PDB file of N, CA and C in Angstrom:
ATOM      1  N   VAL A   1      43.309  -1.848 -16.789  1.00  0.00           N
ATOM      2  CA  VAL A   1      42.118  -0.778 -15.863  1.00  0.00           C
ATOM      3  C   VAL A   1      40.917  -0.397 -16.448  1.00  0.00           C
ATOM      4  N   THR A   2      41.059   0.039 -18.096  1.00  0.00           N
ATOM      5  CA  THR A   2      40.420   0.247 -18.526  1.00  0.00           C
ATOM      6  C   THR A   2      39.396  -0.216 -18.859  1.00  0.00           C
ATOM      7  N   ASP A   3      39.376  -1.847 -18.404  1.00  0.00           N
ATOM      8  CA  ASP A   3      37.639  -2.717 -19.104  1.00  0.00           C
ATOM      9  C   ASP A   3      37.170  -2.554 -17.584  1.00  0.00           C
ATOM     10  N   ASP A   4      37.721  -2.330 -16.304  1.00  0.00           N
ATOM     11  CA  ASP A   4      36.726  -2.142 -15.547  1.00  0.00           C
ATOM     12  C   ASP A   4      36.579  -0.826 -15.330  1.00  0.00           C
ATOM     13  N   LEU A   5      37.389  -0.048 -15.640  1.00  0.00           N
ATOM     14  CA  LEU A   5      36.293   1.525 -15.459  1.00  0.00           C
ATOM     15  C   LEU A   5      34.946   1.406 -16.187  1.00  0.00           C
ATOM     16  N   PHE A   6      35.608   1.081 -17.716  1.00  0.00           N
ATOM     17  CA  PHE A   6      34.070   1.301 -18.592  1.00  0.00           C
ATOM     18  C   PHE A   6      32.934   0.107 -17.970  1.00  0.00           C
ATOM     19  N   ALA A   7      33.660  -1.175 -17.293  1.00  0.00           N
ATOM     20  CA  ALA A   7      32.508  -1.688 -16.598  1.00  0.00           C
ATOM     21  C   ALA A   7      31.455  -0.580 -15.393  1.00  0.00           C
ATOM     22  N   SER A   8      32.342  -0.215 -14.887  1.00  0.00           N
ATOM     23  CA  SER A   8      31.979   0.695 -13.665  1.00  0.00           C
ATOM     24  C   SER A   8      30.542   1.573 -14.304  1.00  0.00           C
ATOM     25  N   ALA A   9      31.370   2.205 -15.138  1.00  0.00           N
ATOM     26  CA  ALA A   9      30.483   3.434 -16.114  1.00  0.00           C
ATOM     27  C   ALA A   9      29.072   2.800 -16.363  1.00  0.00           C
ATOM     28  N   VAL A  10      29.418   1.959 -17.008  1.00  0.00           N
ATOM     29  CA  VAL A  10      28.126   1.168 -17.892  1.00  0.00           C
ATOM     30  C   VAL A  10      27.190   0.589 -16.554  1.00  0.00           C
ATOM     31  N   GLY A  11      27.968   0.231 -15.568  1.00  0.00           N
ATOM     32  CA  GLY A  11      26.826  -0.464 -14.607  1.00  0.00           C
ATOM     33  C   GLY A  11      26.413   1.408 -13.666  1.00  0.00           C
ATOM     34  N   GLN A  12      27.096   1.680 -13.875  1.00  0.00           N
ATOM     35  CA  GLN A  12      26.183   3.288 -12.978  1.00  0.00           C
ATOM     36  C   GLN A  12      25.057   3.788 -13.952  1.00  0.00           C
ATOM     37  N   ARG A  13      25.227   3.671 -15.150  1.00  0.00           N
ATOM     38  CA  ARG A  13      24.395   4.269 -16.161  1.00  0.00           C
ATOM     39  C   ARG A  13      23.118   3.422 -16.530  1.00  0.00           C
ATOM     40  N   LEU A  14      23.318   2.172 -16.395  1.00  0.00           N
ATOM     41  CA  LEU A  14      22.260   1.165 -16.183  1.00  0.00           C
ATOM     42  C   LEU A  14      21.852   1.403 -14.732  1.00  0.00           C
ATOM     43  N   ALA A  15      21.928   1.403 -13.911  1.00  0.00           N
ATOM     44  CA  ALA A  15      21.436   1.589 -12.447  1.00  0.00           C
ATOM     45  C   ALA A  15      20.778   2.929 -13.064  1.00  0.00           C
ATOM     46  N   ARG A  16      21.034   3.744 -13.266  1.00  0.00           N
ATOM     47  CA  ARG A  16      20.180   5.440 -13.158  1.00  0.00           C
ATOM     48  C   ARG A  16      19.214   5.159 -13.840  1.00  0.00           C
ATOM     49  N   ARG A  17      19.070   3.965 -15.086  1.00  0.00           N
ATOM     50  CA  ARG A  17      17.999   3.827 -15.644  1.00  0.00           C
ATOM     51  C   ARG A  17      16.860   3.009 -15.629  1.00  0.00           C
ATOM     52  N   ALA A  18      16.982   2.388 -14.261  1.00  0.00           N
ATOM     53  CA  ALA A  18      16.458   0.867 -13.236  1.00  0.00           C
ATOM     54  C   ALA A  18      15.365   1.953 -12.510  1.00  0.00           C
ATOM     55  N   PRO A  19      14.598   1.078 -13.254  1.00  0.00           N
ATOM     56  CA  PRO A  19      12.978   1.473 -12.015  1.00  0.00           C
ATOM     57  C   PRO A  19      12.988   1.805 -10.817  1.00  0.00           C
ATOM     58  N   LEU A  20      12.594   2.739 -10.325  1.00  0.00           N
ATOM     59  CA  LEU A  20      12.425   3.430  -8.812  1.00  0.00           C
ATOM     60  C   LEU A  20      12.760   2.040  -7.921  1.00  0.00           C
ATOM     61  N   ALA A  21      11.811   1.108  -8.055  1.00  0.00           N
ATOM     62  CA  ALA A  21      11.451   0.033  -7.280  1.00  0.00           C
ATOM     63  C   ALA A  21      12.370  -0.702  -6.950  1.00  0.00           C
ATOM     64  N   ASP A  22      13.194  -0.805  -8.563  1.00  0.00           N
ATOM     65  CA  ASP A  22      15.116  -1.690  -8.638  1.00  0.00           C
ATOM     66  C   ASP A  22      15.820  -0.856  -7.856  1.00  0.00           C
ATOM     67  N   ARG A  23      15.944   0.520  -7.955  1.00  0.00           N
ATOM     68  CA  ARG A  23      16.719   1.170  -7.260  1.00  0.00           C
ATOM     69  C   ARG A  23      16.607   1.926  -5.996  1.00  0.00           C
ATOM     70  N   LEU A  24      15.496   1.141  -5.183  1.00  0.00           N
ATOM     71  CA  LEU A  24      15.041   1.615  -3.631  1.00  0.00           C
ATOM     72  C   LEU A  24      15.069   0.007  -3.322  1.00  0.00           C
ATOM     73  N   ARG A  25      15.452  -0.864  -3.898  1.00  0.00           N
ATOM     74  CA  ARG A  25      15.526  -2.145  -3.238  1.00  0.00           C
ATOM     75  C   ARG A  25      16.164  -2.488  -2.103  1.00  0.00           C
ATOM     76  N   PRO A  26      16.439  -2.889  -0.902  1.00  0.00           N
ATOM     77  CA  PRO A  26      17.386  -3.366   0.161  1.00  0.00           C
ATOM     78  C   PRO A  26      18.612  -3.875  -0.600  1.00  0.00           C
ATOM     79  N   VAL A  27      18.969  -4.040   0.318  1.00  0.00           N
ATOM     80  CA  VAL A  27      20.220  -4.567  -0.273  1.00  0.00           C
ATOM     81  C   VAL A  27      21.392  -5.375   0.608  1.00  0.00           C
ATOM     82  N   ARG A  28      20.509  -5.456   1.593  1.00  0.00           N
ATOM     83  CA  ARG A  28      20.836  -6.225   3.127  1.00  0.00           C
ATOM     84  C   ARG A  28      20.048  -6.453   3.860  1.00  0.00           C
ATOM     85  N   LEU A  29      19.942  -7.626   4.799  1.00  0.00           N
ATOM     86  CA  LEU A  29      18.902  -8.350   5.088  1.00  0.00           C
ATOM     87  C   LEU A  29      18.098  -6.904   6.413  1.00  0.00           C
ATOM     88  N   ASP A  30      19.291  -5.985   7.072  1.00  0.00           N
ATOM     89  CA  ASP A  30      19.516  -4.623   7.717  1.00  0.00           C
ATOM     90  C   ASP A  30      18.357  -4.221   7.171  1.00  0.00           C
ATOM     91  N   ASP A  31      18.467  -3.667   5.559  1.00  0.00           N
ATOM     92  CA  ASP A  31      17.491  -2.653   5.367  1.00  0.00           C
ATOM     93  C   ASP A  31      15.962  -3.022   5.162  1.00  0.00           C
ATOM     94  N   ILE A  32      15.637  -4.423   5.389  1.00  0.00           N
ATOM     95  CA  ILE A  32      14.274  -4.589   5.184  1.00  0.00           C
ATOM     96  C   ILE A  32      13.967  -4.183   5.971  1.00  0.00           C
ATOM     97  N   VAL A  33      12.217  -2.706   5.538  1.00  0.00           N
ATOM     98  CA  VAL A  33      11.488  -2.433   7.008  1.00  0.00           C
ATOM     99  C   VAL A  33      10.539  -3.233   6.946  1.00  0.00           C
ATOM    100  N   GLY A  34      10.013  -4.027   8.020  1.00  0.00           N
ATOM    101  CA  GLY A  34       8.957  -4.028   8.706  1.00  0.00           C
ATOM    102  C   GLY A  34       9.352  -6.119   8.572  1.00  0.00           C
ATOM    103  N   GLN A  35       8.832  -6.554   8.956  1.00  0.00           N
ATOM    104  CA  GLN A  35       8.520  -8.385   8.915  1.00  0.00           C
ATOM    105  C   GLN A  35       9.830  -8.665   9.951  1.00  0.00           C
ATOM    106  N   GLU A  36      10.025  -7.818  11.379  1.00  0.00           N
ATOM    107  CA  GLU A  36      10.311  -7.992  12.216  1.00  0.00           C
ATOM    108  C   GLU A  36      10.653  -8.965  12.633  1.00  0.00           C
ATOM    109  N   HIS A  37       9.941  -9.749  12.818  1.00  0.00           N
ATOM    110  CA  HIS A  37       9.312 -11.327  13.520  1.00  0.00           C
ATOM    111  C   HIS A  37      10.056 -11.966  12.674  1.00  0.00           C
ATOM    112  N   LEU A  38      10.785 -12.091  11.198  1.00  0.00           N
ATOM    113  CA  LEU A  38      10.643 -13.409  10.442  1.00  0.00           C
ATOM    114  C   LEU A  38      12.394 -12.910   9.948  1.00  0.00           C
ATOM    115  N   VAL A  39      12.882 -11.335   9.882  1.00  0.00           N
ATOM    116  CA  VAL A  39      13.808 -11.428   9.822  1.00  0.00           C
ATOM    117  C   VAL A  39      14.614 -10.574  10.897  1.00  0.00           C
ATOM    118  N   GLY A  40      14.830 -10.465  11.554  1.00  0.00           N
ATOM    119  CA  GLY A  40      14.988  -9.412  12.635  1.00  0.00           C
ATOM    120  C   GLY A  40      15.669 -10.062  12.761  1.00  0.00           C
ATOM    121  N   ALA A  41      16.921  -9.773  14.193  1.00  0.00           N
ATOM    122  CA  ALA A  41      18.095 -10.307  14.725  1.00  0.00           C
ATOM    123  C   ALA A  41      17.556 -11.893  15.872  1.00  0.00           C
ATOM    124  N   GLU A  42      18.414 -12.166  15.283  1.00  0.00           N
ATOM    125  CA  GLU A  42      18.095 -14.058  15.830  1.00  0.00           C
ATOM    126  C   GLU A  42      16.598 -14.813  15.725  1.00  0.00           C
ATOM    127  N   LYS A  43      16.111 -14.386  14.412  1.00  0.00           N
ATOM    128  CA  LYS A  43      14.216 -14.307  14.696  1.00  0.00           C
ATOM    129  C   LYS A  43      14.895 -15.909  13.115  1.00  0.00           C
ATOM    130  N   PRO A  44      13.531 -16.589  13.343  1.00  0.00           N
ATOM    131  CA  PRO A  44      13.679 -18.035  12.687  1.00  0.00           C
ATOM    132  C   PRO A  44      14.247 -17.394  11.308  1.00  0.00           C
ATOM    133  N   LEU A  45      13.473 -16.916  10.354  1.00  0.00           N
ATOM    134  CA  LEU A  45      13.813 -16.364   8.351  1.00  0.00           C
ATOM    135  C   LEU A  45      15.767 -16.309   8.650  1.00  0.00           C
ATOM    136  N   ARG A  46      15.652 -15.315   9.440  1.00  0.00           N
ATOM    137  CA  ARG A  46      16.819 -14.637   9.201  1.00  0.00           C
ATOM    138  C   ARG A  46      18.497 -16.023   9.536  1.00  0.00           C
ATOM    139  N   ARG A  47      18.565 -16.608  10.734  1.00  0.00           N
ATOM    140  CA  ARG A  47      18.923 -17.510  11.255  1.00  0.00           C
ATOM    141  C   ARG A  47      18.996 -18.567  10.373  1.00  0.00           C
ATOM    142  N   LEU A  48      18.128 -18.902   9.676  1.00  0.00           N
ATOM    143  CA  LEU A  48      18.072 -19.918   8.036  1.00  0.00           C
ATOM    144  C   LEU A  48      18.617 -19.392   7.353  1.00  0.00           C
ATOM    145  N   ILE A  49      18.964 -17.755   6.979  1.00  0.00           N
ATOM    146  CA  ILE A  49      19.280 -17.631   5.638  1.00  0.00           C
ATOM    147  C   ILE A  49      21.236 -17.370   5.925  1.00  0.00           C
ATOM    148  N   GLU A  50      21.194 -16.907   7.199  1.00  0.00           N
ATOM    149  CA  GLU A  50      22.663 -16.785   7.335  1.00  0.00           C
ATOM    150  C   GLU A  50      23.882 -17.786   7.505  1.00  0.00           C
ATOM    151  N   GLU A  51      22.493 -19.308   8.181  1.00  0.00           N
ATOM    152  CA  GLU A  51      23.563 -20.442   8.573  1.00  0.00           C
ATOM    153  C   GLU A  51      23.489 -20.879   6.847  1.00  0.00           C
ATOM    154  N   ASP A  52      23.025 -20.488   6.124  1.00  0.00           N
ATOM    155  CA  ASP A  52      22.317 -21.258   4.994  1.00  0.00           C
ATOM    156  C   ASP A  52      21.563 -22.696   4.970  1.00  0.00           C
ATOM    157  N   ARG A  53      20.667 -22.762   5.530  1.00  0.00           N
ATOM    158  CA  ARG A  53      19.925 -23.855   6.074  1.00  0.00           C
ATOM    159  C   ARG A  53      18.577 -23.967   5.170  1.00  0.00           C
ATOM    160  N   LEU A  54      18.202 -22.668   4.655  1.00  0.00           N
ATOM    161  CA  LEU A  54      17.383 -22.496   3.789  1.00  0.00           C
ATOM    162  C   LEU A  54      17.031 -23.199   2.169  1.00  0.00           C
ATOM    163  N   SER A  55      15.983 -24.560   2.499  1.00  0.00           N
ATOM    164  CA  SER A  55      16.102 -24.679   1.369  1.00  0.00           C
ATOM    165  C   SER A  55      15.079 -24.657   0.111  1.00  0.00           C
ATOM    166  N   SER A  56      13.876 -24.176   0.627  1.00  0.00           N
ATOM    167  CA  SER A  56      12.685 -23.568  -0.213  1.00  0.00           C
ATOM    168  C   SER A  56      12.096 -23.216   0.792  1.00  0.00           C
ATOM    169  N   VAL A  57      11.272 -21.979  -0.385  1.00  0.00           N
ATOM    170  CA  VAL A  57       9.728 -21.522   0.375  1.00  0.00           C
ATOM    171  C   VAL A  57       9.217 -20.525  -0.193  1.00  0.00           C
ATOM    172  N   VAL A  58       7.899 -20.068  -0.084  1.00  0.00           N
ATOM    173  CA  VAL A  58       6.775 -20.007  -0.473  1.00  0.00           C
ATOM    174  C   VAL A  58       6.514 -18.791   0.234  1.00  0.00           C
ATOM    175  N   LEU A  59       7.165 -17.549  -0.695  1.00  0.00           N
ATOM    176  CA  LEU A  59       6.354 -15.936  -0.207  1.00  0.00           C
ATOM    177  C   LEU A  59       5.213 -15.597  -0.581  1.00  0.00           C
ATOM    178  N   TRP A  60       4.228 -15.358  -0.040  1.00  0.00           N
ATOM    179  CA  TRP A  60       3.028 -15.093   0.088  1.00  0.00           C
ATOM    180  C   TRP A  60       2.277 -13.970   0.203  1.00  0.00           C
ATOM    181  N   GLY A  61       1.794 -12.694  -0.600  1.00  0.00           N
ATOM    182  CA  GLY A  61       0.960 -12.059   0.396  1.00  0.00           C
ATOM    183  C   GLY A  61       0.941 -10.648  -0.757  1.00  0.00           C
ATOM    184  N   PRO A  62      -0.001 -10.087  -0.519  1.00  0.00           N
ATOM    185  CA  PRO A  62      -0.336  -8.651  -1.481  1.00  0.00           C
ATOM    186  C   PRO A  62       0.821  -8.156  -2.007  1.00  0.00           C
ATOM    187  N   PRO A  63       0.796  -7.539  -3.203  1.00  0.00           N
ATOM    188  CA  PRO A  63       1.996  -6.834  -3.596  1.00  0.00           C
ATOM    189  C   PRO A  63       2.140  -5.385  -2.677  1.00  0.00           C
ATOM    190  N   GLY A  64       3.095  -5.488  -3.038  1.00  0.00           N
ATOM    191  CA  GLY A  64       4.587  -4.436  -2.497  1.00  0.00           C
ATOM    192  C   GLY A  64       4.469  -4.439  -0.885  1.00  0.00           C
ATOM    193  N   THR A  65       4.569  -5.791  -0.922  1.00  0.00           N
ATOM    194  CA  THR A  65       4.989  -6.015   1.030  1.00  0.00           C
ATOM    195  C   THR A  65       6.197  -6.992   1.180  1.00  0.00           C
ATOM    196  N   GLY A  66       7.252  -6.756   0.202  1.00  0.00           N
ATOM    197  CA  GLY A  66       8.658  -6.871   0.168  1.00  0.00           C
ATOM    198  C   GLY A  66       9.279  -8.361  -0.343  1.00  0.00           C
ATOM    199  N   LYS A  67       7.945  -9.483  -0.625  1.00  0.00           N
ATOM    200  CA  LYS A  67       8.235 -10.205  -1.635  1.00  0.00           C
ATOM    201  C   LYS A  67       9.629 -10.859  -2.055  1.00  0.00           C
ATOM    202  N   THR A  68       9.430  -9.828  -3.545  1.00  0.00           N
ATOM    203  CA  THR A  68      10.611 -10.187  -4.723  1.00  0.00           C
ATOM    204  C   THR A  68      11.852  -9.530  -3.653  1.00  0.00           C
ATOM    205  N   SER A  69      12.003  -8.329  -3.000  1.00  0.00           N
ATOM    206  CA  SER A  69      12.551  -7.521  -2.462  1.00  0.00           C
ATOM    207  C   SER A  69      13.663  -9.045  -1.607  1.00  0.00           C
ATOM    208  N   LEU A  70      12.693  -9.844  -0.588  1.00  0.00           N
ATOM    209  CA  LEU A  70      13.505 -10.991   0.083  1.00  0.00           C
ATOM    210  C   LEU A  70      13.878 -11.784  -1.084  1.00  0.00           C
ATOM    211  N   ALA A  71      12.745 -12.240  -1.882  1.00  0.00           N
ATOM    212  CA  ALA A  71      13.905 -13.658  -2.358  1.00  0.00           C
ATOM    213  C   ALA A  71      15.441 -12.671  -3.026  1.00  0.00           C
ATOM    214  N   ARG A  72      15.089 -11.373  -3.306  1.00  0.00           N
ATOM    215  CA  ARG A  72      16.319 -11.510  -3.864  1.00  0.00           C
ATOM    216  C   ARG A  72      17.871 -11.449  -3.476  1.00  0.00           C
ATOM    217  N   LEU A  73      17.278 -11.066  -1.923  1.00  0.00           N
ATOM    218  CA  LEU A  73      18.230 -11.047  -0.795  1.00  0.00           C
ATOM    219  C   LEU A  73      18.754 -12.178  -0.376  1.00  0.00           C
ATOM    220  N   ILE A  74      17.845 -13.082  -0.382  1.00  0.00           N
ATOM    221  CA  ILE A  74      17.640 -14.902  -0.517  1.00  0.00           C
ATOM    222  C   ILE A  74      18.792 -15.695  -1.131  1.00  0.00           C
ATOM    223  N   ALA A  75      18.259 -14.658  -2.813  1.00  0.00           N
ATOM    224  CA  ALA A  75      19.341 -15.459  -4.100  1.00  0.00           C
ATOM    225  C   ALA A  75      20.557 -15.430  -3.489  1.00  0.00           C
TER     226      ALA A  75
END
């Protein structure tokens, strides 16, 4: 039990030190703001992700549009 408590405490400390962008990243597809035409309910990319049928994808766009956040959710 001690190992679990220690690991949790270390994880919490690291999370507090993480860059703001990492701390604010969405953790679920529903947390993504914008891109509803792709990841909204019953939309193409969301269906492929939920059905685990996404083979490969190139995410392209200007900085700050959520490419990395979406890639991390898919991974």
